[in-house]
Amino acid sequence: MISVAVRGYGIVIWDEEHGWRTFSANESTSAMLANRVEMALRSMPIDSEDEACEALLTMAGSHLLARSCDHGPGECDSEVGRN
């Protein structure tokens, strides 16, 4: 599962079982965020969680909040060298 915050729009949650969901402050913002997510996901073939994450992070103002993994704390490649 991946959580991505998009500044000014809300949060996108992606998991391979359910696809993507958005959470925003109101319906208008939610609709705009959904449109941006659809455009980002259409920009490249999505065959894995890594590709979905890469596509979501192409949206302007996006920041990775969380990403599930099967490793223990400090064992993920993305955590190497972080203090």
N, C-alpha and C. Protein backbone atom coordinates (compact mmCIF):
# COMPACT_ATOMS: atom_id res chain seq x y z
N MET A 1 0.84 -1.17 0.00
CA MET A 1 0.00 0.00 0.00
C MET A 1 0.89 1.24 0.00
N ILE A 2 0.44 2.25 -0.73
CA ILE A 2 1.18 3.50 -0.85
C ILE A 2 0.24 4.64 -0.47
N SER A 3 0.75 5.61 0.28
CA SER A 3 0.00 6.83 0.59
C SER A 3 0.78 8.02 0.05
N VAL A 4 0.13 8.85 -0.76
CA VAL A 4 0.77 10.03 -1.35
C VAL A 4 -0.09 11.24 -1.04
N ALA A 5 0.53 12.28 -0.49
CA ALA A 5 -0.15 13.55 -0.27
C ALA A 5 0.09 14.44 -1.47
N VAL A 6 -0.95 15.13 -1.91
CA VAL A 6 -0.82 16.06 -3.03
C VAL A 6 -1.23 17.44 -2.50
N ARG A 7 -0.26 18.32 -2.40
CA ARG A 7 -0.46 19.64 -1.80
C ARG A 7 -1.65 20.35 -2.43
N GLY A 8 -2.58 20.78 -1.58
CA GLY A 8 -3.74 21.53 -2.03
C GLY A 8 -4.91 20.68 -2.49
N TYR A 9 -4.71 19.36 -2.54
CA TYR A 9 -5.76 18.48 -3.04
C TYR A 9 -6.19 17.41 -2.05
N GLY A 10 -5.27 16.72 -1.43
CA GLY A 10 -5.62 15.66 -0.50
C GLY A 10 -4.64 14.52 -0.53
N ILE A 11 -5.15 13.32 -0.24
CA ILE A 11 -4.32 12.13 -0.12
C ILE A 11 -4.83 11.06 -1.09
N VAL A 12 -3.88 10.34 -1.69
CA VAL A 12 -4.19 9.21 -2.56
C VAL A 12 -3.64 7.96 -1.88
N ILE A 13 -4.48 6.95 -1.77
CA ILE A 13 -4.07 5.65 -1.25
C ILE A 13 -4.12 4.67 -2.42
N TRP A 14 -3.05 3.91 -2.62
CA TRP A 14 -3.00 2.89 -3.68
C TRP A 14 -2.69 1.55 -3.05
N ASP A 15 -3.47 0.54 -3.37
CA ASP A 15 -3.08 -0.83 -3.08
C ASP A 15 -3.51 -1.69 -4.26
N GLU A 16 -2.74 -2.73 -4.52
CA GLU A 16 -2.97 -3.53 -5.72
C GLU A 16 -4.31 -4.23 -5.71
N GLU A 17 -4.85 -4.52 -4.53
CA GLU A 17 -6.13 -5.22 -4.45
C GLU A 17 -7.31 -4.30 -4.80
N HIS A 18 -7.29 -3.06 -4.32
CA HIS A 18 -8.42 -2.14 -4.51
C HIS A 18 -8.16 -1.01 -5.50
N GLY A 19 -6.93 -0.87 -5.98
CA GLY A 19 -6.63 0.25 -6.86
C GLY A 19 -6.39 1.51 -6.04
N TRP A 20 -6.90 2.64 -6.52
CA TRP A 20 -6.64 3.90 -5.83
C TRP A 20 -7.92 4.49 -5.25
N ARG A 21 -7.74 5.25 -4.17
CA ARG A 21 -8.82 5.99 -3.51
C ARG A 21 -8.27 7.37 -3.16
N THR A 22 -9.14 8.37 -3.16
CA THR A 22 -8.70 9.71 -2.79
C THR A 22 -9.47 10.19 -1.57
N PHE A 23 -8.84 11.06 -0.81
CA PHE A 23 -9.44 11.67 0.37
C PHE A 23 -9.14 13.16 0.31
N SER A 24 -10.20 13.98 0.24
CA SER A 24 -10.05 15.44 0.13
C SER A 24 -11.03 16.13 1.06
N ALA A 25 -10.87 17.45 1.18
CA ALA A 25 -11.71 18.22 2.08
C ALA A 25 -13.13 18.41 1.55
N ASN A 26 -13.31 18.42 0.24
CA ASN A 26 -14.66 18.63 -0.32
C ASN A 26 -14.79 17.92 -1.67
N GLU A 27 -15.99 17.87 -2.19
CA GLU A 27 -16.26 17.14 -3.43
C GLU A 27 -15.53 17.74 -4.63
N SER A 28 -15.44 19.05 -4.69
CA SER A 28 -14.78 19.71 -5.82
C SER A 28 -13.30 19.35 -5.86
N THR A 29 -12.64 19.44 -4.72
CA THR A 29 -11.22 19.10 -4.64
C THR A 29 -11.01 17.62 -4.90
N SER A 30 -11.92 16.80 -4.41
CA SER A 30 -11.83 15.36 -4.63
C SER A 30 -11.92 15.04 -6.12
N ALA A 31 -12.81 15.70 -6.83
CA ALA A 31 -12.96 15.47 -8.27
C ALA A 31 -11.71 15.89 -9.02
N MET A 32 -11.11 17.02 -8.64
CA MET A 32 -9.89 17.48 -9.30
C MET A 32 -8.74 16.52 -9.02
N LEU A 33 -8.64 16.03 -7.77
CA LEU A 33 -7.58 15.09 -7.42
C LEU A 33 -7.77 13.78 -8.18
N ALA A 34 -9.00 13.30 -8.26
CA ALA A 34 -9.27 12.06 -9.00
C ALA A 34 -8.84 12.21 -10.46
N ASN A 35 -9.11 13.36 -11.05
CA ASN A 35 -8.72 13.61 -12.43
C ASN A 35 -7.19 13.59 -12.58
N ARG A 36 -6.50 14.22 -11.64
CA ARG A 36 -5.04 14.24 -11.69
C ARG A 36 -4.46 12.84 -11.54
N VAL A 37 -5.07 12.03 -10.64
CA VAL A 37 -4.60 10.66 -10.44
C VAL A 37 -4.79 9.84 -11.71
N GLU A 38 -5.97 9.95 -12.30
CA GLU A 38 -6.24 9.21 -13.54
C GLU A 38 -5.25 9.57 -14.63
N MET A 39 -4.96 10.86 -14.77
CA MET A 39 -4.00 11.30 -15.79
C MET A 39 -2.60 10.76 -15.49
N ALA A 40 -2.19 10.78 -14.24
CA ALA A 40 -0.86 10.28 -13.87
C ALA A 40 -0.75 8.78 -14.12
N LEU A 41 -1.79 8.04 -13.76
CA LEU A 41 -1.74 6.60 -13.94
C LEU A 41 -1.82 6.18 -15.40
N ARG A 42 -2.44 7.02 -16.24
CA ARG A 42 -2.51 6.74 -17.67
C ARG A 42 -1.20 7.05 -18.38
N SER A 43 -0.33 7.82 -17.72
CA SER A 43 0.90 8.26 -18.36
C SER A 43 1.92 7.14 -18.55
N MET A 44 1.73 6.02 -17.85
CA MET A 44 2.65 4.89 -17.98
C MET A 44 1.92 3.60 -17.65
N PRO A 45 2.40 2.47 -18.16
CA PRO A 45 1.75 1.19 -17.84
C PRO A 45 1.98 0.87 -16.36
N ILE A 46 0.93 0.44 -15.68
CA ILE A 46 1.01 0.14 -14.25
C ILE A 46 0.87 -1.36 -14.07
N ASP A 47 2.00 -2.03 -13.88
CA ASP A 47 1.99 -3.47 -13.68
C ASP A 47 2.45 -3.87 -12.29
N SER A 48 2.84 -2.89 -11.48
CA SER A 48 3.32 -3.20 -10.13
C SER A 48 3.10 -2.00 -9.22
N GLU A 49 3.26 -2.25 -7.92
CA GLU A 49 3.13 -1.17 -6.95
C GLU A 49 4.22 -0.12 -7.15
N ASP A 50 5.42 -0.56 -7.54
CA ASP A 50 6.51 0.39 -7.80
C ASP A 50 6.14 1.36 -8.93
N GLU A 51 5.55 0.83 -9.99
CA GLU A 51 5.16 1.68 -11.11
C GLU A 51 4.02 2.61 -10.73
N ALA A 52 3.09 2.16 -9.91
CA ALA A 52 2.01 3.03 -9.43
C ALA A 52 2.58 4.15 -8.58
N CYS A 53 3.52 3.82 -7.72
CA CYS A 53 4.15 4.84 -6.87
C CYS A 53 4.87 5.87 -7.73
N GLU A 54 5.63 5.41 -8.70
CA GLU A 54 6.36 6.32 -9.59
C GLU A 54 5.39 7.25 -10.33
N ALA A 55 4.29 6.69 -10.82
CA ALA A 55 3.30 7.50 -11.55
C ALA A 55 2.66 8.54 -10.64
N LEU A 56 2.27 8.14 -9.43
CA LEU A 56 1.63 9.09 -8.51
C LEU A 56 2.58 10.21 -8.11
N LEU A 57 3.86 9.90 -7.98
CA LEU A 57 4.82 10.92 -7.58
C LEU A 57 5.18 11.87 -8.71
N THR A 58 4.68 11.63 -9.94
CA THR A 58 4.91 12.58 -11.03
C THR A 58 3.96 13.78 -10.93
N MET A 59 2.91 13.66 -10.11
CA MET A 59 1.96 14.78 -9.98
C MET A 59 2.63 15.93 -9.24
N ALA A 60 2.45 17.13 -9.72
CA ALA A 60 3.01 18.31 -9.06
C ALA A 60 2.48 18.40 -7.64
N GLY A 61 3.36 18.66 -6.69
CA GLY A 61 2.98 18.81 -5.29
C GLY A 61 2.81 17.50 -4.55
N SER A 62 3.21 16.38 -5.16
CA SER A 62 3.02 15.09 -4.49
C SER A 62 4.22 14.74 -3.63
N HIS A 63 3.94 14.08 -2.51
CA HIS A 63 4.97 13.64 -1.57
C HIS A 63 4.57 12.29 -1.01
N LEU A 64 5.50 11.36 -0.96
CA LEU A 64 5.24 10.04 -0.41
C LEU A 64 5.07 10.14 1.10
N LEU A 65 3.93 9.66 1.61
CA LEU A 65 3.69 9.66 3.05
C LEU A 65 4.12 8.33 3.67
N ALA A 66 3.69 7.24 3.06
CA ALA A 66 3.98 5.92 3.62
C ALA A 66 3.98 4.88 2.51
N ARG A 67 4.70 3.81 2.78
CA ARG A 67 4.74 2.70 1.84
C ARG A 67 4.93 1.42 2.63
N SER A 68 4.05 0.48 2.45
CA SER A 68 4.15 -0.81 3.15
C SER A 68 5.24 -1.65 2.51
N CYS A 69 5.85 -2.49 3.32
CA CYS A 69 6.84 -3.42 2.80
C CYS A 69 6.87 -4.65 3.71
N ASP A 70 7.60 -5.66 3.29
CA ASP A 70 7.71 -6.88 4.08
C ASP A 70 8.99 -6.92 4.91
N HIS A 71 9.72 -5.83 4.96
CA HIS A 71 10.98 -5.78 5.68
C HIS A 71 10.77 -5.23 7.09
N GLY A 72 11.77 -5.40 7.92
CA GLY A 72 11.76 -4.81 9.25
C GLY A 72 12.24 -3.37 9.19
N PRO A 73 12.10 -2.63 10.28
CA PRO A 73 12.56 -1.22 10.30
C PRO A 73 14.03 -1.12 9.93
N GLY A 74 14.34 -0.20 9.05
CA GLY A 74 15.71 0.04 8.64
C GLY A 74 16.25 -0.92 7.60
N GLU A 75 15.42 -1.88 7.13
CA GLU A 75 15.89 -2.87 6.17
C GLU A 75 15.50 -2.55 4.73
N CYS A 76 14.68 -1.55 4.50
CA CYS A 76 14.26 -1.20 3.14
C CYS A 76 15.35 -0.41 2.44
N ASP A 77 15.45 -0.57 1.12
CA ASP A 77 16.43 0.19 0.35
C ASP A 77 16.24 1.68 0.53
N SER A 78 14.98 2.13 0.65
CA SER A 78 14.72 3.57 0.77
C SER A 78 15.15 4.12 2.12
N GLU A 79 15.40 3.26 3.12
CA GLU A 79 15.79 3.71 4.45
C GLU A 79 17.29 3.65 4.68
N VAL A 80 18.03 3.08 3.76
CA VAL A 80 19.47 2.95 3.92
C VAL A 80 20.09 4.34 4.01
N GLY A 81 20.88 4.55 5.05
CA GLY A 81 21.58 5.81 5.21
C GLY A 81 20.74 6.91 5.83
N ARG A 82 19.52 6.62 6.21
CA ARG A 82 18.69 7.65 6.84
C ARG A 82 18.83 7.58 8.34
N ASN A 83 18.89 8.72 8.99
CA ASN A 83 18.99 8.78 10.46
C ASN A 83 17.84 9.55 11.04
